[in-house]
Amino acid sequence: MKFEYKVENMRLHGMTSMVLTKEHEKKLNELGEEGWEMVGLTASASGRNIAAVFKREKI
């Protein structure tokens, strides 16, 4: 079985606590519909950006 990977960088919003928006949720749902599964998530040192790693079976 072979896989392909995708990294999605997202800038978080908020002043004191960083939050994901409805736009982020929409993008994540679109990726799920395309067959992508999130396998990892990491935040930058500032906490203002996150990188989500996705994989799906390569056809």
Protein backbone atom coordinates (compact mmCIF):
# COMPACT_ATOMS: atom_id res chain seq x y z
CA MET A 1 0.00 0.00 0.00
CA LYS A 2 1.35 3.45 -0.92
CA PHE A 3 0.39 6.80 0.57
CA GLU A 4 0.62 10.44 -0.42
CA TYR A 5 0.93 13.26 2.09
CA LYS A 6 -0.25 16.85 2.29
CA VAL A 7 0.66 19.65 4.70
CA GLU A 8 -1.91 22.36 5.35
CA ASN A 9 -0.65 25.51 7.13
CA MET A 10 -3.26 27.51 9.02
CA ARG A 11 -3.01 30.84 10.79
CA LEU A 12 -5.05 30.93 13.99
CA HIS A 13 -7.15 33.90 15.06
CA GLY A 14 -7.75 35.56 18.41
CA MET A 15 -5.96 37.91 20.78
CA THR A 16 -5.47 35.88 23.95
CA SER A 17 -6.45 32.36 22.95
CA MET A 18 -5.82 31.05 19.47
CA VAL A 19 -8.87 29.57 17.80
CA LEU A 20 -9.81 27.82 14.59
CA THR A 21 -12.58 29.51 12.60
CA LYS A 22 -15.51 28.20 10.60
CA GLU A 23 -13.33 28.73 7.51
CA HIS A 24 -10.72 26.37 8.96
CA GLU A 25 -13.45 23.84 9.73
CA LYS A 26 -14.76 24.11 6.16
CA LYS A 27 -11.28 23.49 4.73
CA LEU A 28 -10.73 20.47 7.01
CA ASN A 29 -14.10 19.01 5.99
CA GLU A 30 -13.23 19.53 2.30
CA LEU A 31 -9.97 17.63 2.78
CA GLY A 32 -11.87 14.82 4.52
CA GLU A 33 -14.29 14.61 1.60
CA GLU A 34 -11.29 14.27 -0.72
CA GLY A 35 -10.10 11.27 1.28
CA TRP A 36 -7.41 13.00 3.36
CA GLU A 37 -7.00 11.83 6.96
CA MET A 38 -5.20 14.02 9.51
CA VAL A 39 -2.27 12.15 11.02
CA GLY A 40 -0.41 14.94 12.78
CA LEU A 41 -0.68 18.50 14.03
CA THR A 42 2.00 20.87 15.30
CA ALA A 43 1.98 24.50 16.41
CA SER A 44 4.61 27.16 15.85
CA ALA A 45 6.53 28.51 18.84
CA SER A 46 4.26 31.57 18.92
CA GLY A 47 1.14 29.40 18.76
CA ARG A 48 -0.27 31.56 15.97
CA ASN A 49 0.22 29.00 13.22
CA ILE A 50 -0.38 25.29 12.97
CA ALA A 51 0.64 22.76 10.39
CA ALA A 52 -1.66 19.79 9.88
CA VAL A 53 -0.32 16.69 8.12
CA PHE A 54 -2.73 14.53 6.14
CA LYS A 55 -2.37 11.24 4.28
CA ARG A 56 -4.44 9.18 1.90
CA GLU A 57 -3.90 6.01 -0.04
CA LYS A 58 -2.17 6.64 -3.34
CA ILE A 59 -4.05 5.20 -6.30
